[in-house]
Each structure stands twice: as structure tokens, then as C-alpha cells.
């Protein structure tokens, strides 16, 4: 939700890192963001869960990758 909300607001996500145990927004706002970004017009709960699990895995890998670390790549791959 933290990434989707900032992406929706047009924020630069290059230096953002997920903040564990941080409560932002409401459950309704979270569901709204998931529905907006999942890419399926009328998703089932299973499809939303799969989208969320996949997105979490991708974002976790991105945060742990040197290629996505702004301190490492500086402005070479900005927005990657």
C-alpha cells in the first residue's frame, strides 16, 4: 500500500523504502489502491491476493537489489 499510494500521488519512489509496522491510510483506502492497480476490472479475492503477493515479492527484491539502490547507482539508472 505504501508504494501504491505514493506511486498514485506521483512521488519519486527511487529513495523510498517500505516501513514495516507503519500504519498508513485505512483498510478501505488500501483496497481502493489494490483495485485501482491490479489490472483486472472485477477481481476476485484470490486475484487480489495473488497480485498483492506478487507485488510484495517484486518490491522486496527491488529493495534488496544493488541495481535499484540509489546510493550505488546514483543517477545512472534513475527511475529504474
PDB file of N, CA and C in Angstrom:
ATOM      1  N   UNK A   1       0.819  -1.196   0.000  1.00  0.00           N
ATOM      2  CA  UNK A   1       0.000   0.000   0.000  1.00  0.00           C
ATOM      3  C   UNK A   1       0.861   1.257   0.000  1.00  0.00           C
ATOM      4  N   UNK A   2       1.960   1.235   0.772  1.00  0.00           N
ATOM      5  CA  UNK A   2       2.807   2.420   0.860  1.00  0.00           C
ATOM      6  C   UNK A   2       3.366   2.797  -0.516  1.00  0.00           C
ATOM      7  N   UNK A   3       3.802   1.810  -1.277  1.00  0.00           N
ATOM      8  CA  UNK A   3       4.314   2.085  -2.621  1.00  0.00           C
ATOM      9  C   UNK A   3       3.201   2.535  -3.561  1.00  0.00           C
ATOM     10  N   UNK A   4       2.081   1.819  -3.554  1.00  0.00           N
ATOM     11  CA  UNK A   4       0.984   2.159  -4.465  1.00  0.00           C
ATOM     12  C   UNK A   4       0.448   3.558  -4.195  1.00  0.00           C
ATOM     13  N   UNK A   5       0.320   3.903  -2.940  1.00  0.00           N
ATOM     14  CA  UNK A   5      -0.193   5.237  -2.581  1.00  0.00           C
ATOM     15  C   UNK A   5       0.749   6.327  -3.079  1.00  0.00           C
ATOM     16  N   UNK A   6       2.027   6.139  -2.861  1.00  0.00           N
ATOM     17  CA  UNK A   6       2.999   7.148  -3.314  1.00  0.00           C
ATOM     18  C   UNK A   6       3.084   7.196  -4.837  1.00  0.00           C
ATOM     19  N   UNK A   7       3.003   6.029  -5.486  1.00  0.00           N
ATOM     20  CA  UNK A   7       3.004   5.980  -6.948  1.00  0.00           C
ATOM     21  C   UNK A   7       1.787   6.725  -7.499  1.00  0.00           C
ATOM     22  N   UNK A   8       0.641   6.498  -6.902  1.00  0.00           N
ATOM     23  CA  UNK A   8      -0.597   7.154  -7.330  1.00  0.00           C
ATOM     24  C   UNK A   8      -0.519   8.674  -7.165  1.00  0.00           C
ATOM     25  N   UNK A   9       0.221   9.132  -6.149  1.00  0.00           N
ATOM     26  CA  UNK A   9       0.378  10.565  -5.906  1.00  0.00           C
ATOM     27  C   UNK A   9       1.458  11.181  -6.786  1.00  0.00           C
ATOM     28  N   UNK A  10       2.177  10.346  -7.557  1.00  0.00           N
ATOM     29  CA  UNK A  10       3.220  10.853  -8.447  1.00  0.00           C
ATOM     30  C   UNK A  10       4.553  11.094  -7.758  1.00  0.00           C
ATOM     31  N   UNK A  11       4.755  10.487  -6.595  1.00  0.00           N
ATOM     32  CA  UNK A  11       6.012  10.666  -5.857  1.00  0.00           C
ATOM     33  C   UNK A  11       7.145   9.887  -6.518  1.00  0.00           C
ATOM     34  N   UNK A  12       8.366  10.351  -6.295  1.00  0.00           N
ATOM     35  CA  UNK A  12       9.549   9.639  -6.750  1.00  0.00           C
ATOM     36  C   UNK A  12       9.804   8.478  -5.788  1.00  0.00           C
ATOM     37  N   UNK A  13       9.794   7.261  -6.317  1.00  0.00           N
ATOM     38  CA  UNK A  13       9.943   6.076  -5.474  1.00  0.00           C
ATOM     39  C   UNK A  13      11.382   5.576  -5.396  1.00  0.00           C
ATOM     40  N   UNK A  14      12.309   6.256  -6.055  1.00  0.00           N
ATOM     41  CA  UNK A  14      13.696   5.785  -6.098  1.00  0.00           C
ATOM     42  C   UNK A  14      14.317   5.641  -4.708  1.00  0.00           C
ATOM     43  N   UNK A  15      14.021   6.550  -3.809  1.00  0.00           N
ATOM     44  CA  UNK A  15      14.650   6.522  -2.486  1.00  0.00           C
ATOM     45  C   UNK A  15      13.708   6.045  -1.389  1.00  0.00           C
ATOM     46  N   UNK A  16      12.472   5.718  -1.755  1.00  0.00           N
ATOM     47  CA  UNK A  16      11.508   5.263  -0.756  1.00  0.00           C
ATOM     48  C   UNK A  16      11.789   3.821  -0.369  1.00  0.00           C
ATOM     49  N   UNK A  17      11.660   3.495   0.883  1.00  0.00           N
ATOM     50  CA  UNK A  17      11.780   2.138   1.405  1.00  0.00           C
ATOM     51  C   UNK A  17      10.549   1.849   2.252  1.00  0.00           C
ATOM     52  N   UNK A  18      10.085   0.620   2.137  1.00  0.00           N
ATOM     53  CA  UNK A  18       8.941   0.166   2.921  1.00  0.00           C
ATOM     54  C   UNK A  18       9.247   0.311   4.410  1.00  0.00           C
ATOM     55  N   UNK A  19       8.281   0.798   5.152  1.00  0.00           N
ATOM     56  CA  UNK A  19       8.434   0.987   6.588  1.00  0.00           C
ATOM     57  C   UNK A  19       7.569  -0.065   7.286  1.00  0.00           C
ATOM     58  N   UNK A  20       8.193  -1.148   7.787  1.00  0.00           N
ATOM     59  CA  UNK A  20       7.414  -2.208   8.442  1.00  0.00           C
ATOM     60  C   UNK A  20       6.653  -1.695   9.659  1.00  0.00           C
ATOM     61  N   UNK A  21       5.501  -2.264   9.870  1.00  0.00           N
ATOM     62  CA  UNK A  21       4.654  -1.973  11.034  1.00  0.00           C
ATOM     63  C   UNK A  21       4.195  -0.515  11.080  1.00  0.00           C
ATOM     64  N   UNK A  22       4.277   0.170   9.966  1.00  0.00           N
ATOM     65  CA  UNK A  22       3.793   1.540   9.886  1.00  0.00           C
ATOM     66  C   UNK A  22       2.373   1.513   9.321  1.00  0.00           C
ATOM     67  N   UNK A  23       1.451   2.107  10.034  1.00  0.00           N
ATOM     68  CA  UNK A  23       0.059   2.117   9.599  1.00  0.00           C
ATOM     69  C   UNK A  23      -0.203   3.409   8.836  1.00  0.00           C
ATOM     70  N   UNK A  24      -0.596   3.256   7.595  1.00  0.00           N
ATOM     71  CA  UNK A  24      -0.955   4.407   6.762  1.00  0.00           C
ATOM     72  C   UNK A  24      -2.316   4.140   6.148  1.00  0.00           C
ATOM     73  N   UNK A  25      -3.129   5.155   6.065  1.00  0.00           N
ATOM     74  CA  UNK A  25      -4.425   5.005   5.424  1.00  0.00           C
ATOM     75  C   UNK A  25      -5.358   4.097   6.202  1.00  0.00           C
ATOM     76  N   UNK A  26      -6.398   3.691   5.529  1.00  0.00           N
ATOM     77  CA  UNK A  26      -7.410   2.827   6.132  1.00  0.00           C
ATOM     78  C   UNK A  26      -7.529   1.552   5.295  1.00  0.00           C
ATOM     79  N   UNK A  27      -8.182   0.531   5.832  1.00  0.00           N
ATOM     80  CA  UNK A  27      -8.403  -0.669   5.027  1.00  0.00           C
ATOM     81  C   UNK A  27      -9.154  -0.374   3.728  1.00  0.00           C
ATOM     82  N   UNK A  28     -10.089   0.556   3.777  1.00  0.00           N
ATOM     83  CA  UNK A  28     -10.842   0.921   2.572  1.00  0.00           C
ATOM     84  C   UNK A  28      -9.937   1.580   1.533  1.00  0.00           C
ATOM     85  N   UNK A  29      -9.029   2.442   1.978  1.00  0.00           N
ATOM     86  CA  UNK A  29      -8.085   3.112   1.068  1.00  0.00           C
ATOM     87  C   UNK A  29      -7.129   2.084   0.454  1.00  0.00           C
ATOM     88  N   UNK A  30      -6.693   1.129   1.261  1.00  0.00           N
ATOM     89  CA  UNK A  30      -5.810   0.072   0.775  1.00  0.00           C
ATOM     90  C   UNK A  30      -6.514  -0.748  -0.302  1.00  0.00           C
ATOM     91  N   UNK A  31      -7.728  -1.147  -0.038  1.00  0.00           N
ATOM     92  CA  UNK A  31      -8.499  -1.916  -1.012  1.00  0.00           C
ATOM     93  C   UNK A  31      -8.714  -1.116  -2.292  1.00  0.00           C
ATOM     94  N   UNK A  32      -8.974   0.174  -2.149  1.00  0.00           N
ATOM     95  CA  UNK A  32      -9.160   1.041  -3.307  1.00  0.00           C
ATOM     96  C   UNK A  32      -7.890   1.071  -4.168  1.00  0.00           C
ATOM     97  N   UNK A  33      -6.720   1.197  -3.553  1.00  0.00           N
ATOM     98  CA  UNK A  33      -5.461   1.213  -4.295  1.00  0.00           C
ATOM     99  C   UNK A  33      -5.216  -0.129  -4.981  1.00  0.00           C
ATOM    100  N   UNK A  34      -5.495  -1.224  -4.289  1.00  0.00           N
ATOM    101  CA  UNK A  34      -5.316  -2.544  -4.897  1.00  0.00           C
ATOM    102  C   UNK A  34      -6.223  -2.720  -6.104  1.00  0.00           C
ATOM    103  N   UNK A  35      -7.467  -2.323  -5.975  1.00  0.00           N
ATOM    104  CA  UNK A  35      -8.407  -2.427  -7.092  1.00  0.00           C
ATOM    105  C   UNK A  35      -7.995  -1.537  -8.262  1.00  0.00           C
ATOM    106  N   UNK A  36      -7.459  -0.380  -7.951  1.00  0.00           N
ATOM    107  CA  UNK A  36      -7.036   0.566  -8.980  1.00  0.00           C
ATOM    108  C   UNK A  36      -5.843   0.052  -9.775  1.00  0.00           C
ATOM    109  N   UNK A  37      -4.927  -0.640  -9.116  1.00  0.00           N
ATOM    110  CA  UNK A  37      -3.664  -1.016  -9.745  1.00  0.00           C
ATOM    111  C   UNK A  37      -3.529  -2.481 -10.133  1.00  0.00           C
ATOM    112  N   UNK A  38      -4.476  -3.333  -9.781  1.00  0.00           N
ATOM    113  CA  UNK A  38      -4.291  -4.763 -10.037  1.00  0.00           C
ATOM    114  C   UNK A  38      -4.439  -5.130 -11.509  1.00  0.00           C
ATOM    115  N   UNK A  39      -5.088  -4.304 -12.304  1.00  0.00           N
ATOM    116  CA  UNK A  39      -5.173  -4.560 -13.743  1.00  0.00           C
ATOM    117  C   UNK A  39      -6.329  -5.454 -14.169  1.00  0.00           C
ATOM    118  N   UNK A  40      -7.206  -5.823 -13.241  1.00  0.00           N
ATOM    119  CA  UNK A  40      -8.369  -6.651 -13.555  1.00  0.00           C
ATOM    120  C   UNK A  40      -9.611  -5.843 -13.195  1.00  0.00           C
ATOM    121  N   UNK A  41     -10.572  -5.815 -14.095  1.00  0.00           N
ATOM    122  CA  UNK A  41     -11.753  -4.972 -13.906  1.00  0.00           C
ATOM    123  C   UNK A  41     -12.560  -5.341 -12.661  1.00  0.00           C
ATOM    124  N   UNK A  42     -12.815  -6.597 -12.441  1.00  0.00           N
ATOM    125  CA  UNK A  42     -13.611  -7.038 -11.293  1.00  0.00           C
ATOM    126  C   UNK A  42     -12.922  -8.245 -10.657  1.00  0.00           C
ATOM    127  N   UNK A  43     -11.817  -8.010  -9.930  1.00  0.00           N
ATOM    128  CA  UNK A  43     -11.027  -9.140  -9.417  1.00  0.00           C
ATOM    129  C   UNK A  43     -11.691  -9.859  -8.254  1.00  0.00           C
ATOM    130  N   UNK A  44     -11.407 -11.131  -8.163  1.00  0.00           N
ATOM    131  CA  UNK A  44     -11.853 -11.911  -7.002  1.00  0.00           C
ATOM    132  C   UNK A  44     -10.863 -11.680  -5.865  1.00  0.00           C
ATOM    133  N   UNK A  45     -11.203 -12.147  -4.661  1.00  0.00           N
ATOM    134  CA  UNK A  45     -10.284 -12.009  -3.529  1.00  0.00           C
ATOM    135  C   UNK A  45      -8.997 -12.781  -3.815  1.00  0.00           C
ATOM    136  N   UNK A  46      -9.120 -13.907  -4.485  1.00  0.00           N
ATOM    137  CA  UNK A  46      -7.943 -14.708  -4.829  1.00  0.00           C
ATOM    138  C   UNK A  46      -7.024 -13.946  -5.785  1.00  0.00           C
ATOM    139  N   UNK A  47      -7.597 -13.272  -6.754  1.00  0.00           N
ATOM    140  CA  UNK A  47      -6.795 -12.486  -7.700  1.00  0.00           C
ATOM    141  C   UNK A  47      -6.120 -11.306  -7.002  1.00  0.00           C
ATOM    142  N   UNK A  48      -6.824 -10.663  -6.081  1.00  0.00           N
ATOM    143  CA  UNK A  48      -6.213  -9.568  -5.311  1.00  0.00           C
ATOM    144  C   UNK A  48      -5.080 -10.087  -4.429  1.00  0.00           C
ATOM    145  N   UNK A  49      -5.279 -11.253  -3.844  1.00  0.00           N
ATOM    146  CA  UNK A  49      -4.228 -11.847  -3.012  1.00  0.00           C
ATOM    147  C   UNK A  49      -3.003 -12.187  -3.861  1.00  0.00           C
ATOM    148  N   UNK A  50      -3.221 -12.786  -5.025  1.00  0.00           N
ATOM    149  CA  UNK A  50      -2.104 -13.114  -5.909  1.00  0.00           C
ATOM    150  C   UNK A  50      -1.366 -11.857  -6.356  1.00  0.00           C
ATOM    151  N   UNK A  51      -2.103 -10.814  -6.695  1.00  0.00           N
ATOM    152  CA  UNK A  51      -1.489  -9.550  -7.096  1.00  0.00           C
ATOM    153  C   UNK A  51      -0.654  -8.978  -5.954  1.00  0.00           C
ATOM    154  N   UNK A  52      -1.201  -9.001  -4.748  1.00  0.00           N
ATOM    155  CA  UNK A  52      -0.506  -8.460  -3.590  1.00  0.00           C
ATOM    156  C   UNK A  52       0.755  -9.256  -3.269  1.00  0.00           C
ATOM    157  N   UNK A  53       0.656 -10.579  -3.304  1.00  0.00           N
ATOM    158  CA  UNK A  53       1.831 -11.423  -3.025  1.00  0.00           C
ATOM    159  C   UNK A  53       2.918 -11.200  -4.070  1.00  0.00           C
ATOM    160  N   UNK A  54       2.524 -11.127  -5.343  1.00  0.00           N
ATOM    161  CA  UNK A  54       3.495 -10.905  -6.411  1.00  0.00           C
ATOM    162  C   UNK A  54       4.140  -9.527  -6.264  1.00  0.00           C
ATOM    163  N   UNK A  55       3.340  -8.503  -6.031  1.00  0.00           N
ATOM    164  CA  UNK A  55       3.869  -7.148  -5.877  1.00  0.00           C
ATOM    165  C   UNK A  55       4.818  -7.071  -4.684  1.00  0.00           C
ATOM    166  N   UNK A  56       4.447  -7.675  -3.560  1.00  0.00           N
ATOM    167  CA  UNK A  56       5.314  -7.674  -2.382  1.00  0.00           C
ATOM    168  C   UNK A  56       6.654  -8.336  -2.674  1.00  0.00           C
ATOM    169  N   UNK A  57       6.629  -9.465  -3.377  1.00  0.00           N
ATOM    170  CA  UNK A  57       7.880 -10.163  -3.710  1.00  0.00           C
ATOM    171  C   UNK A  57       8.747  -9.310  -4.627  1.00  0.00           C
ATOM    172  N   UNK A  58       8.135  -8.680  -5.615  1.00  0.00           N
ATOM    173  CA  UNK A  58       8.888  -7.835  -6.546  1.00  0.00           C
ATOM    174  C   UNK A  58       9.489  -6.626  -5.838  1.00  0.00           C
ATOM    175  N   UNK A  59       8.720  -5.992  -4.981  1.00  0.00           N
ATOM    176  CA  UNK A  59       9.217  -4.810  -4.274  1.00  0.00           C
ATOM    177  C   UNK A  59      10.302  -5.178  -3.258  1.00  0.00           C
ATOM    178  N   UNK A  60      10.161  -6.325  -2.606  1.00  0.00           N
ATOM    179  CA  UNK A  60      11.191  -6.787  -1.671  1.00  0.00           C
ATOM    180  C   UNK A  60      12.506  -7.043  -2.430  1.00  0.00           C
ATOM    181  N   UNK A  61      12.408  -7.709  -3.581  1.00  0.00           N
ATOM    182  CA  UNK A  61      13.603  -7.962  -4.392  1.00  0.00           C
ATOM    183  C   UNK A  61      14.220  -6.660  -4.883  1.00  0.00           C
ATOM    184  N   UNK A  62      13.378  -5.719  -5.259  1.00  0.00           N
ATOM    185  CA  UNK A  62      13.857  -4.416  -5.730  1.00  0.00           C
ATOM    186  C   UNK A  62      14.609  -3.688  -4.614  1.00  0.00           C
ATOM    187  N   UNK A  63      14.051  -3.683  -3.420  1.00  0.00           N
ATOM    188  CA  UNK A  63      14.706  -3.003  -2.297  1.00  0.00           C
ATOM    189  C   UNK A  63      16.052  -3.637  -1.947  1.00  0.00           C
ATOM    190  N   UNK A  64      16.193  -4.938  -2.196  1.00  0.00           N
ATOM    191  CA  UNK A  64      17.425  -5.647  -1.867  1.00  0.00           C
ATOM    192  C   UNK A  64      18.429  -5.695  -3.020  1.00  0.00           C
ATOM    193  N   UNK A  65      18.081  -5.153  -4.164  1.00  0.00           N
ATOM    194  CA  UNK A  65      18.944  -5.205  -5.339  1.00  0.00           C
ATOM    195  C   UNK A  65      19.886  -3.997  -5.391  1.00  0.00           C
ATOM    196  N   UNK A  66      21.151  -4.260  -5.686  1.00  0.00           N
ATOM    197  CA  UNK A  66      22.103  -3.156  -5.854  1.00  0.00           C
ATOM    198  C   UNK A  66      21.753  -2.295  -7.057  1.00  0.00           C
ATOM    199  N   UNK A  67      21.116  -2.881  -8.065  1.00  0.00           N
ATOM    200  CA  UNK A  67      20.742  -2.126  -9.257  1.00  0.00           C
ATOM    201  C   UNK A  67      19.650  -1.104  -8.982  1.00  0.00           C
ATOM    202  N   UNK A  68      18.937  -1.259  -7.880  1.00  0.00           N
ATOM    203  CA  UNK A  68      17.876  -0.330  -7.509  1.00  0.00           C
ATOM    204  C   UNK A  68      18.245   0.514  -6.297  1.00  0.00           C
ATOM    205  N   UNK A  69      19.459   0.409  -5.839  1.00  0.00           N
ATOM    206  CA  UNK A  69      19.927   1.157  -4.680  1.00  0.00           C
ATOM    207  C   UNK A  69      20.444   2.517  -5.155  1.00  0.00           C
ATOM    208  N   UNK A  70      19.749   3.619  -4.820  1.00  0.00           N
ATOM    209  CA  UNK A  70      20.163   4.937  -5.308  1.00  0.00           C
ATOM    210  C   UNK A  70      21.559   5.335  -4.839  1.00  0.00           C
ATOM    211  N   UNK A  71      22.001   4.832  -3.693  1.00  0.00           N
ATOM    212  CA  UNK A  71      23.349   5.143  -3.219  1.00  0.00           C
ATOM    213  C   UNK A  71      24.409   4.473  -4.091  1.00  0.00           C
ATOM    214  N   UNK A  72      24.062   3.350  -4.676  1.00  0.00           N
ATOM    215  CA  UNK A  72      25.002   2.589  -5.501  1.00  0.00           C
ATOM    216  C   UNK A  72      25.030   3.084  -6.952  1.00  0.00           C
ATOM    217  N   UNK A  73      23.856   3.277  -7.530  1.00  0.00           N
ATOM    218  CA  UNK A  73      23.808   3.656  -8.948  1.00  0.00           C
ATOM    219  C   UNK A  73      23.771   5.165  -9.176  1.00  0.00           C
ATOM    220  N   UNK A  74      23.532   5.918  -8.110  1.00  0.00           N
ATOM    221  CA  UNK A  74      23.402   7.379  -8.154  1.00  0.00           C
ATOM    222  C   UNK A  74      22.366   7.754  -9.209  1.00  0.00           C
ATOM    223  N   UNK A  75      22.706   8.544 -10.224  1.00  0.00           N
ATOM    224  CA  UNK A  75      21.700   8.963 -11.200  1.00  0.00           C
ATOM    225  C   UNK A  75      21.814   8.205 -12.516  1.00  0.00           C
ATOM    226  N   UNK A  76      22.611   7.139 -12.562  1.00  0.00           N
ATOM    227  CA  UNK A  76      22.813   6.392 -13.802  1.00  0.00           C
ATOM    228  C   UNK A  76      21.531   5.732 -14.289  1.00  0.00           C
ATOM    229  N   UNK A  77      20.809   5.067 -13.390  1.00  0.00           N
ATOM    230  CA  UNK A  77      19.582   4.360 -13.749  1.00  0.00           C
ATOM    231  C   UNK A  77      18.376   4.955 -13.031  1.00  0.00           C
ATOM    232  N   UNK A  78      18.286   6.251 -12.998  1.00  0.00           N
ATOM    233  CA  UNK A  78      17.214   6.935 -12.273  1.00  0.00           C
ATOM    234  C   UNK A  78      15.852   6.443 -12.760  1.00  0.00           C
ATOM    235  N   UNK A  79      14.994   6.057 -11.817  1.00  0.00           N
ATOM    236  CA  UNK A  79      13.656   5.590 -12.141  1.00  0.00           C
ATOM    237  C   UNK A  79      13.587   4.126 -12.484  1.00  0.00           C
ATOM    238  N   UNK A  80      14.728   3.433 -12.500  1.00  0.00           N
ATOM    239  CA  UNK A  80      14.748   2.024 -12.864  1.00  0.00           C
ATOM    240  C   UNK A  80      13.958   1.222 -11.867  1.00  0.00           C
TER     241      UNK A  80
END
